[in-house]
Amino acid sequence: MNKLHIFIISWAGQHENAIRIATQMKDVYEKVCIVYSDPNSDWQLEAPCEIIRRPNELFWGDKFKACIDGCNQDPILVIHADCTYPDWSHLAKRAQEMTHHLPMIGVWSPSIDFVPWNIKTMQIAMLTEFGLSVVTRTDAIVFYLSPIIIERMRGISYEENLYGWGIEWMAACVGYARGMIAVIDNTIQVHHPQSDGTSYPRDQAQRQLEIFLTQLSVTEEVQGILLRAKIAQNGGHIIKQ
């Protein structure tokens, strides 16, 4: 079974949760890392795993780059620390099992509460035997990426994408362009708190997303067009993606 490098994303108010997740994972997995930021420059996070500190003025785009730069040739499982699940090592094992049995999976994600889209509008097909939905996209709140997708995304610039919008969409386009699929695992339900909205300017994040996605290759952009067409056929909509 493939190796797995686990990255937990943490920020002010979430560090205890991040340490809790890391502690669960370290009982089973060797490669566990917390990527964090904090406004208190004098405070240092301590945890039983690798730790990467990033500037507090930077957001998800920078933290994601730290993950893909730090994983060598391994697939990654990214977990945002504001999520809860009873047994994180079970979730990681499930991701490994599914990607082992179905190596065409490039992006794997559990079912997650309060994502800003409906899975019915994103669904392409059902793999009923495995409890998986093949989808046009997942969310980056908790997701697995295969080494093939990671390698491509290392060649992308994240400097202008401060808030990281579009990372999960790019991962899906990259995967489908390489004959892989994105799936949501309906056997795993992760709780993510409902939000009243982002704490940063949505218009700016959207503009950054549009610039970010110009880095897709022609083949990847064609896949994006096909994925958007499927979403529209299902009655859904992705803003300007």
C-alpha atoms as a PDB file:
ATOM      1  CA  MET A   1       0.000   0.000   0.000  1.00  0.00           C
ATOM      2  CA  ASN A   2       1.265   3.487  -0.827  1.00  0.00           C
ATOM      3  CA  LYS A   3       2.996   5.608   1.750  1.00  0.00           C
ATOM      4  CA  LEU A   4       1.152   8.660   2.965  1.00  0.00           C
ATOM      5  CA  HIS A   5       2.387  12.042   4.134  1.00  0.00           C
ATOM      6  CA  ILE A   6      -0.184  13.764   6.341  1.00  0.00           C
ATOM      7  CA  PHE A   7      -0.347  17.553   6.602  1.00  0.00           C
ATOM      8  CA  ILE A   8      -2.550  19.297   9.158  1.00  0.00           C
ATOM      9  CA  ILE A   9      -3.311  22.962   8.476  1.00  0.00           C
ATOM     10  CA  SER A  10      -3.566  25.129  11.599  1.00  0.00           C
ATOM     11  CA  TRP A  11      -3.998  28.789  12.494  1.00  0.00           C
ATOM     12  CA  ALA A  12      -4.849  30.871  15.565  1.00  0.00           C
ATOM     13  CA  GLY A  13      -7.631  29.188  17.515  1.00  0.00           C
ATOM     14  CA  GLN A  14      -7.088  25.761  15.942  1.00  0.00           C
ATOM     15  CA  HIS A  15      -3.723  24.665  17.324  1.00  0.00           C
ATOM     16  CA  GLU A  16      -5.112  22.374  20.030  1.00  0.00           C
ATOM     17  CA  ASN A  17      -7.255  20.637  17.427  1.00  0.00           C
ATOM     18  CA  ALA A  18      -4.231  20.283  15.141  1.00  0.00           C
ATOM     19  CA  ILE A  19      -2.146  18.702  17.909  1.00  0.00           C
ATOM     20  CA  ARG A  20      -5.000  16.318  18.718  1.00  0.00           C
ATOM     21  CA  ILE A  21      -5.231  15.179  15.087  1.00  0.00           C
ATOM     22  CA  ALA A  22      -1.452  14.845  14.795  1.00  0.00           C
ATOM     23  CA  THR A  23      -1.275  12.760  17.969  1.00  0.00           C
ATOM     24  CA  GLN A  24      -3.874  10.331  16.606  1.00  0.00           C
ATOM     25  CA  MET A  25      -2.034  10.065  13.307  1.00  0.00           C
ATOM     26  CA  LYS A  26       1.418   9.568  14.835  1.00  0.00           C
ATOM     27  CA  ASP A  27       0.222   6.338  16.453  1.00  0.00           C
ATOM     28  CA  VAL A  28      -0.073   4.893  12.940  1.00  0.00           C
ATOM     29  CA  TYR A  29       1.823   7.074  10.466  1.00  0.00           C
ATOM     30  CA  GLU A  30       5.453   8.103  10.442  1.00  0.00           C
ATOM     31  CA  LYS A  31       5.122  11.195   8.264  1.00  0.00           C
ATOM     32  CA  VAL A  32       2.871  13.704  10.003  1.00  0.00           C
ATOM     33  CA  CYS A  33       3.335  17.464   9.794  1.00  0.00           C
ATOM     34  CA  ILE A  34       1.495  20.513  11.124  1.00  0.00           C
ATOM     35  CA  VAL A  35       1.705  23.559   8.853  1.00  0.00           C
ATOM     36  CA  TYR A  36       0.675  26.549  10.929  1.00  0.00           C
ATOM     37  CA  SER A  37       0.630  30.308  11.318  1.00  0.00           C
ATOM     38  CA  ASP A  38      -0.023  32.497  14.338  1.00  0.00           C
ATOM     39  CA  PRO A  39      -0.143  36.256  14.948  1.00  0.00           C
ATOM     40  CA  ASN A  40       2.014  35.908  18.094  1.00  0.00           C
ATOM     41  CA  SER A  41       5.567  35.801  16.779  1.00  0.00           C
ATOM     42  CA  ASP A  42       6.922  34.864  20.228  1.00  0.00           C
ATOM     43  CA  TRP A  43       4.760  31.748  20.500  1.00  0.00           C
ATOM     44  CA  GLN A  44       5.903  28.404  19.081  1.00  0.00           C
ATOM     45  CA  LEU A  45       3.691  25.411  18.470  1.00  0.00           C
ATOM     46  CA  GLU A  46       4.944  22.176  20.004  1.00  0.00           C
ATOM     47  CA  ALA A  47       3.617  18.813  18.849  1.00  0.00           C
ATOM     48  CA  PRO A  48       4.818  15.189  18.463  1.00  0.00           C
ATOM     49  CA  CYS A  49       5.460  15.592  14.738  1.00  0.00           C
ATOM     50  CA  GLU A  50       7.201  17.725  12.147  1.00  0.00           C
ATOM     51  CA  ILE A  51       6.223  21.403  12.311  1.00  0.00           C
ATOM     52  CA  ILE A  52       6.357  24.032   9.581  1.00  0.00           C
ATOM     53  CA  ARG A  53       5.617  27.642  10.481  1.00  0.00           C
ATOM     54  CA  ARG A  54       4.448  30.032   7.791  1.00  0.00           C
ATOM     55  CA  PRO A  55       3.935  33.822   7.950  1.00  0.00           C
ATOM     56  CA  ASN A  56       0.643  34.784   9.544  1.00  0.00           C
ATOM     57  CA  GLU A  57      -0.203  37.274   6.799  1.00  0.00           C
ATOM     58  CA  LEU A  58      -0.287  34.415   4.295  1.00  0.00           C
ATOM     59  CA  PHE A  59      -3.219  32.026   3.964  1.00  0.00           C
ATOM     60  CA  TRP A  60      -4.171  28.702   2.369  1.00  0.00           C
ATOM     61  CA  GLY A  61      -2.287  29.155  -0.899  1.00  0.00           C
ATOM     62  CA  ASP A  62       1.034  29.446   0.924  1.00  0.00           C
ATOM     63  CA  LYS A  63       0.265  26.589   3.318  1.00  0.00           C
ATOM     64  CA  PHE A  64      -0.689  24.296   0.452  1.00  0.00           C
ATOM     65  CA  LYS A  65       2.604  25.069  -1.283  1.00  0.00           C
ATOM     66  CA  ALA A  66       4.412  24.119   1.935  1.00  0.00           C
ATOM     67  CA  CYS A  67       2.629  20.748   1.819  1.00  0.00           C
ATOM     68  CA  ILE A  68       3.524  19.868  -1.752  1.00  0.00           C
ATOM     69  CA  ASP A  69       7.089  21.130  -1.344  1.00  0.00           C
ATOM     70  CA  GLY A  70       7.559  18.944   1.732  1.00  0.00           C
ATOM     71  CA  CYS A  71       6.141  15.601   0.628  1.00  0.00           C
ATOM     72  CA  ASN A  72       8.884  14.210  -1.665  1.00  0.00           C
ATOM     73  CA  GLN A  73       7.357  11.388  -3.758  1.00  0.00           C
ATOM     74  CA  ASP A  74       4.560  10.449  -1.375  1.00  0.00           C
ATOM     75  CA  PRO A  75       0.845  11.067  -1.790  1.00  0.00           C
ATOM     76  CA  ILE A  76      -0.531  13.566   0.694  1.00  0.00           C
ATOM     77  CA  LEU A  77      -3.577  13.799   2.919  1.00  0.00           C
ATOM     78  CA  VAL A  78      -4.383  17.390   3.918  1.00  0.00           C
ATOM     79  CA  ILE A  79      -6.630  18.066   6.925  1.00  0.00           C
ATOM     80  CA  HIS A  80      -7.757  21.500   8.069  1.00  0.00           C
ATOM     81  CA  ALA A  81      -7.678  21.587  11.846  1.00  0.00           C
ATOM     82  CA  ASP A  82     -11.186  22.997  12.319  1.00  0.00           C
ATOM     83  CA  CYS A  83     -12.623  19.640  11.206  1.00  0.00           C
ATOM     84  CA  THR A  84     -13.667  16.845  13.551  1.00  0.00           C
ATOM     85  CA  TYR A  85     -13.815  13.096  13.003  1.00  0.00           C
ATOM     86  CA  PRO A  86     -13.842  10.319  15.630  1.00  0.00           C
ATOM     87  CA  ASP A  87     -10.817   8.417  14.292  1.00  0.00           C
ATOM     88  CA  TRP A  88      -8.488  10.253  11.936  1.00  0.00           C
ATOM     89  CA  SER A  89      -6.204   7.272  11.421  1.00  0.00           C
ATOM     90  CA  HIS A  90      -9.243   5.301  10.198  1.00  0.00           C
ATOM     91  CA  LEU A  91      -9.958   8.053   7.662  1.00  0.00           C
ATOM     92  CA  ALA A  92      -6.352   7.957   6.434  1.00  0.00           C
ATOM     93  CA  LYS A  93      -6.415   4.164   6.138  1.00  0.00           C
ATOM     94  CA  ARG A  94      -9.641   4.345   4.155  1.00  0.00           C
ATOM     95  CA  ALA A  95      -8.045   6.808   1.724  1.00  0.00           C
ATOM     96  CA  GLN A  96      -5.105   4.439   1.319  1.00  0.00           C
ATOM     97  CA  GLU A  97      -7.310   1.393   0.819  1.00  0.00           C
ATOM     98  CA  MET A  98      -9.427   3.050  -1.859  1.00  0.00           C
ATOM     99  CA  THR A  99      -6.470   4.466  -3.766  1.00  0.00           C
ATOM    100  CA  HIS A 100      -4.741   1.078  -3.555  1.00  0.00           C
ATOM    101  CA  HIS A 101      -7.750  -0.798  -4.962  1.00  0.00           C
ATOM    102  CA  LEU A 102      -8.512   1.961  -7.490  1.00  0.00           C
ATOM    103  CA  PRO A 103      -5.169   3.487  -8.507  1.00  0.00           C
ATOM    104  CA  MET A 104      -6.901   5.754 -11.020  1.00  0.00           C
ATOM    105  CA  ILE A 105      -8.063   7.884  -8.084  1.00  0.00           C
ATOM    106  CA  GLY A 106      -6.100  11.127  -8.204  1.00  0.00           C
ATOM    107  CA  VAL A 107      -8.162  13.091  -5.689  1.00  0.00           C
ATOM    108  CA  TRP A 108      -9.998  11.508  -2.736  1.00  0.00           C
ATOM    109  CA  SER A 109     -12.092  13.347  -0.198  1.00  0.00           C
ATOM    110  CA  PRO A 110     -14.551  12.305   2.498  1.00  0.00           C
ATOM    111  CA  SER A 111     -18.060  13.685   2.628  1.00  0.00           C
ATOM    112  CA  ILE A 112     -17.794  17.018   4.493  1.00  0.00           C
ATOM    113  CA  ASP A 113     -20.476  19.092   6.215  1.00  0.00           C
ATOM    114  CA  PHE A 114     -21.272  22.605   4.993  1.00  0.00           C
ATOM    115  CA  VAL A 115     -19.224  22.740   1.807  1.00  0.00           C
ATOM    116  CA  PRO A 116     -20.431  25.533  -0.519  1.00  0.00           C
ATOM    117  CA  TRP A 117     -21.868  23.195  -3.148  1.00  0.00           C
ATOM    118  CA  ASN A 118     -24.230  20.236  -3.472  1.00  0.00           C
ATOM    119  CA  ILE A 119     -22.703  16.850  -4.234  1.00  0.00           C
ATOM    120  CA  LYS A 120     -25.645  16.025  -6.519  1.00  0.00           C
ATOM    121  CA  THR A 121     -24.591  18.792  -8.890  1.00  0.00           C
ATOM    122  CA  MET A 122     -20.976  17.592  -8.831  1.00  0.00           C
ATOM    123  CA  GLN A 123     -21.604  13.862  -9.298  1.00  0.00           C
ATOM    124  CA  ILE A 124     -20.543  12.131 -12.504  1.00  0.00           C
ATOM    125  CA  ALA A 125     -21.104   8.500 -11.511  1.00  0.00           C
ATOM    126  CA  MET A 126     -21.444   6.179  -8.524  1.00  0.00           C
ATOM    127  CA  LEU A 127     -19.013   3.403  -7.637  1.00  0.00           C
ATOM    128  CA  THR A 128     -21.602   1.732  -5.423  1.00  0.00           C
ATOM    129  CA  GLU A 129     -19.448  -1.267  -4.557  1.00  0.00           C
ATOM    130  CA  PHE A 130     -16.925   1.046  -2.904  1.00  0.00           C
ATOM    131  CA  GLY A 131     -19.292   3.692  -1.559  1.00  0.00           C
ATOM    132  CA  LEU A 132     -17.693   6.355  -3.763  1.00  0.00           C
ATOM    133  CA  SER A 133     -19.087   9.157  -5.899  1.00  0.00           C
ATOM    134  CA  VAL A 134     -17.024  10.116  -8.933  1.00  0.00           C
ATOM    135  CA  VAL A 135     -17.235  13.917  -8.981  1.00  0.00           C
ATOM    136  CA  THR A 136     -16.186  16.964 -10.948  1.00  0.00           C
ATOM    137  CA  ARG A 137     -14.452  18.356  -7.862  1.00  0.00           C
ATOM    138  CA  THR A 138     -13.944  17.847  -4.157  1.00  0.00           C
ATOM    139  CA  ASP A 139     -13.162  20.369  -1.448  1.00  0.00           C
ATOM    140  CA  ALA A 140      -9.681  21.100  -0.095  1.00  0.00           C
ATOM    141  CA  ILE A 141     -10.853  21.012   3.541  1.00  0.00           C
ATOM    142  CA  VAL A 142      -9.812  17.353   3.726  1.00  0.00           C
ATOM    143  CA  PHE A 143      -8.358  15.749   0.622  1.00  0.00           C
ATOM    144  CA  TYR A 144      -5.847  13.227  -0.716  1.00  0.00           C
ATOM    145  CA  LEU A 145      -3.695  13.945  -3.760  1.00  0.00           C
ATOM    146  CA  SER A 146      -1.755  11.376  -5.756  1.00  0.00           C
ATOM    147  CA  PRO A 147       1.942  11.913  -6.537  1.00  0.00           C
ATOM    148  CA  ILE A 148       1.142  12.473 -10.230  1.00  0.00           C
ATOM    149  CA  ILE A 149      -1.086  15.434  -9.404  1.00  0.00           C
ATOM    150  CA  ILE A 150       1.330  16.761  -6.787  1.00  0.00           C
ATOM    151  CA  GLU A 151       4.208  16.730  -9.249  1.00  0.00           C
ATOM    152  CA  ARG A 152       2.241  18.831 -11.724  1.00  0.00           C
ATOM    153  CA  MET A 153       1.065  21.253  -9.036  1.00  0.00           C
ATOM    154  CA  ARG A 154       4.622  21.841  -7.871  1.00  0.00           C
ATOM    155  CA  GLY A 155       5.117  23.649 -11.161  1.00  0.00           C
ATOM    156  CA  ILE A 156       2.335  26.124 -10.390  1.00  0.00           C
ATOM    157  CA  SER A 157       2.890  29.560  -8.846  1.00  0.00           C
ATOM    158  CA  TYR A 158       0.915  30.290  -5.670  1.00  0.00           C
ATOM    159  CA  GLU A 159       2.413  33.700  -4.895  1.00  0.00           C
ATOM    160  CA  GLU A 160      -0.516  35.630  -6.365  1.00  0.00           C
ATOM    161  CA  ASN A 161      -3.146  33.287  -4.915  1.00  0.00           C
ATOM    162  CA  LEU A 162      -3.060  34.408  -1.291  1.00  0.00           C
ATOM    163  CA  TYR A 163      -6.351  32.800  -0.286  1.00  0.00           C
ATOM    164  CA  GLY A 164      -5.915  29.605  -2.269  1.00  0.00           C
ATOM    165  CA  TRP A 165      -9.227  29.539  -4.073  1.00  0.00           C
ATOM    166  CA  GLY A 166      -9.224  27.137  -7.017  1.00  0.00           C
ATOM    167  CA  ILE A 167      -6.585  24.716  -5.711  1.00  0.00           C
ATOM    168  CA  GLU A 168      -9.081  21.836  -5.509  1.00  0.00           C
ATOM    169  CA  TRP A 169     -10.489  22.707  -8.951  1.00  0.00           C
ATOM    170  CA  MET A 170      -7.017  22.704 -10.469  1.00  0.00           C
ATOM    171  CA  ALA A 171      -6.268  19.332  -8.829  1.00  0.00           C
ATOM    172  CA  ALA A 172      -9.376  17.846 -10.433  1.00  0.00           C
ATOM    173  CA  CYS A 173      -8.566  19.276 -13.875  1.00  0.00           C
ATOM    174  CA  VAL A 174      -4.977  18.036 -13.639  1.00  0.00           C
ATOM    175  CA  GLY A 175      -6.139  14.573 -12.593  1.00  0.00           C
ATOM    176  CA  TYR A 176      -8.767  14.147 -15.307  1.00  0.00           C
ATOM    177  CA  ALA A 177      -6.314  15.394 -17.932  1.00  0.00           C
ATOM    178  CA  ARG A 178      -4.087  12.468 -16.915  1.00  0.00           C
ATOM    179  CA  GLY A 179      -6.780   9.815 -17.021  1.00  0.00           C
ATOM    180  CA  MET A 180      -7.460   9.892 -13.286  1.00  0.00           C
ATOM    181  CA  ILE A 181     -10.665  10.590 -11.349  1.00  0.00           C
ATOM    182  CA  ALA A 182     -11.778  12.599  -8.309  1.00  0.00           C
ATOM    183  CA  VAL A 183     -14.001  10.901  -5.747  1.00  0.00           C
ATOM    184  CA  ILE A 184     -15.949  11.652  -2.594  1.00  0.00           C
ATOM    185  CA  ASP A 185     -16.112   8.789  -0.112  1.00  0.00           C
ATOM    186  CA  ASN A 186     -19.667   8.528   1.181  1.00  0.00           C
ATOM    187  CA  THR A 187     -18.644   6.104   3.945  1.00  0.00           C
ATOM    188  CA  ILE A 188     -16.692   8.838   5.780  1.00  0.00           C
ATOM    189  CA  GLN A 189     -18.507  11.883   7.171  1.00  0.00           C
ATOM    190  CA  VAL A 190     -16.320  14.708   8.452  1.00  0.00           C
ATOM    191  CA  HIS A 191     -17.823  17.575  10.426  1.00  0.00           C
ATOM    192  CA  HIS A 192     -16.765  21.029   9.348  1.00  0.00           C
ATOM    193  CA  PRO A 193     -18.356  23.990  11.162  1.00  0.00           C
ATOM    194  CA  GLN A 194     -20.823  26.102   9.265  1.00  0.00           C
ATOM    195  CA  SER A 195     -19.433  29.514   8.448  1.00  0.00           C
ATOM    196  CA  ASP A 196     -21.182  32.839   7.944  1.00  0.00           C
ATOM    197  CA  GLY A 197     -18.599  33.661   5.305  1.00  0.00           C
ATOM    198  CA  THR A 198     -14.901  34.238   4.827  1.00  0.00           C
ATOM    199  CA  SER A 199     -12.927  36.675   6.939  1.00  0.00           C
ATOM    200  CA  TYR A 200     -11.176  38.067   3.855  1.00  0.00           C
ATOM    201  CA  PRO A 201     -12.448  39.918   0.749  1.00  0.00           C
ATOM    202  CA  ARG A 202     -14.270  37.487  -1.553  1.00  0.00           C
ATOM    203  CA  ASP A 203     -13.883  39.725  -4.610  1.00  0.00           C
ATOM    204  CA  GLN A 204     -10.121  39.752  -4.191  1.00  0.00           C
ATOM    205  CA  ALA A 205     -10.041  35.983  -3.659  1.00  0.00           C
ATOM    206  CA  GLN A 206     -12.122  35.509  -6.822  1.00  0.00           C
ATOM    207  CA  ARG A 207      -9.801  37.701  -8.903  1.00  0.00           C
ATOM    208  CA  GLN A 208      -6.813  35.752  -7.613  1.00  0.00           C
ATOM    209  CA  LEU A 209      -8.561  32.491  -8.502  1.00  0.00           C
ATOM    210  CA  GLU A 210      -9.130  33.594 -12.091  1.00  0.00           C
ATOM    211  CA  ILE A 211      -5.466  34.522 -12.517  1.00  0.00           C
ATOM    212  CA  PHE A 212      -4.368  31.310 -10.795  1.00  0.00           C
ATOM    213  CA  LEU A 213      -6.359  29.122 -13.192  1.00  0.00           C
ATOM    214  CA  THR A 214      -4.718  30.680 -16.264  1.00  0.00           C
ATOM    215  CA  GLN A 215      -1.808  28.359 -15.411  1.00  0.00           C
ATOM    216  CA  LEU A 216      -3.807  25.328 -16.528  1.00  0.00           C
ATOM    217  CA  SER A 217      -2.463  23.730 -19.692  1.00  0.00           C
ATOM    218  CA  VAL A 218      -4.704  23.555 -22.758  1.00  0.00           C
ATOM    219  CA  THR A 219      -5.511  19.911 -22.024  1.00  0.00           C
ATOM    220  CA  GLU A 220      -6.301  20.686 -18.392  1.00  0.00           C
ATOM    221  CA  GLU A 221      -8.486  23.634 -19.368  1.00  0.00           C
ATOM    222  CA  VAL A 222     -10.397  21.423 -21.820  1.00  0.00           C
ATOM    223  CA  GLN A 223     -11.071  19.040 -18.961  1.00  0.00           C
ATOM    224  CA  GLY A 224     -12.278  22.008 -16.924  1.00  0.00           C
ATOM    225  CA  ILE A 225     -14.726  22.934 -19.686  1.00  0.00           C
ATOM    226  CA  LEU A 226     -16.074  19.379 -19.727  1.00  0.00           C
ATOM    227  CA  LEU A 227     -16.375  19.321 -15.945  1.00  0.00           C
ATOM    228  CA  ARG A 228     -18.221  22.647 -15.931  1.00  0.00           C
ATOM    229  CA  ALA A 229     -20.588  21.313 -18.589  1.00  0.00           C
ATOM    230  CA  LYS A 230     -21.391  18.313 -16.386  1.00  0.00           C
ATOM    231  CA  ILE A 231     -22.033  20.593 -13.403  1.00  0.00           C
ATOM    232  CA  ALA A 232     -24.368  22.723 -15.535  1.00  0.00           C
ATOM    233  CA  GLN A 233     -26.145  19.589 -16.763  1.00  0.00           C
ATOM    234  CA  ASN A 234     -26.717  18.648 -13.116  1.00  0.00           C
ATOM    235  CA  GLY A 235     -28.179  22.075 -12.381  1.00  0.00           C
ATOM    236  CA  GLY A 236     -25.152  23.418 -10.547  1.00  0.00           C
ATOM    237  CA  HIS A 237     -22.784  26.313 -11.002  1.00  0.00           C
ATOM    238  CA  ILE A 238     -19.145  27.146 -10.242  1.00  0.00           C
ATOM    239  CA  ILE A 239     -18.505  30.877 -10.281  1.00  0.00           C
ATOM    240  CA  LYS A 240     -16.150  31.726 -13.161  1.00  0.00           C
ATOM    241  CA  GLN A 241     -14.244  28.479 -12.808  1.00  0.00           C
END
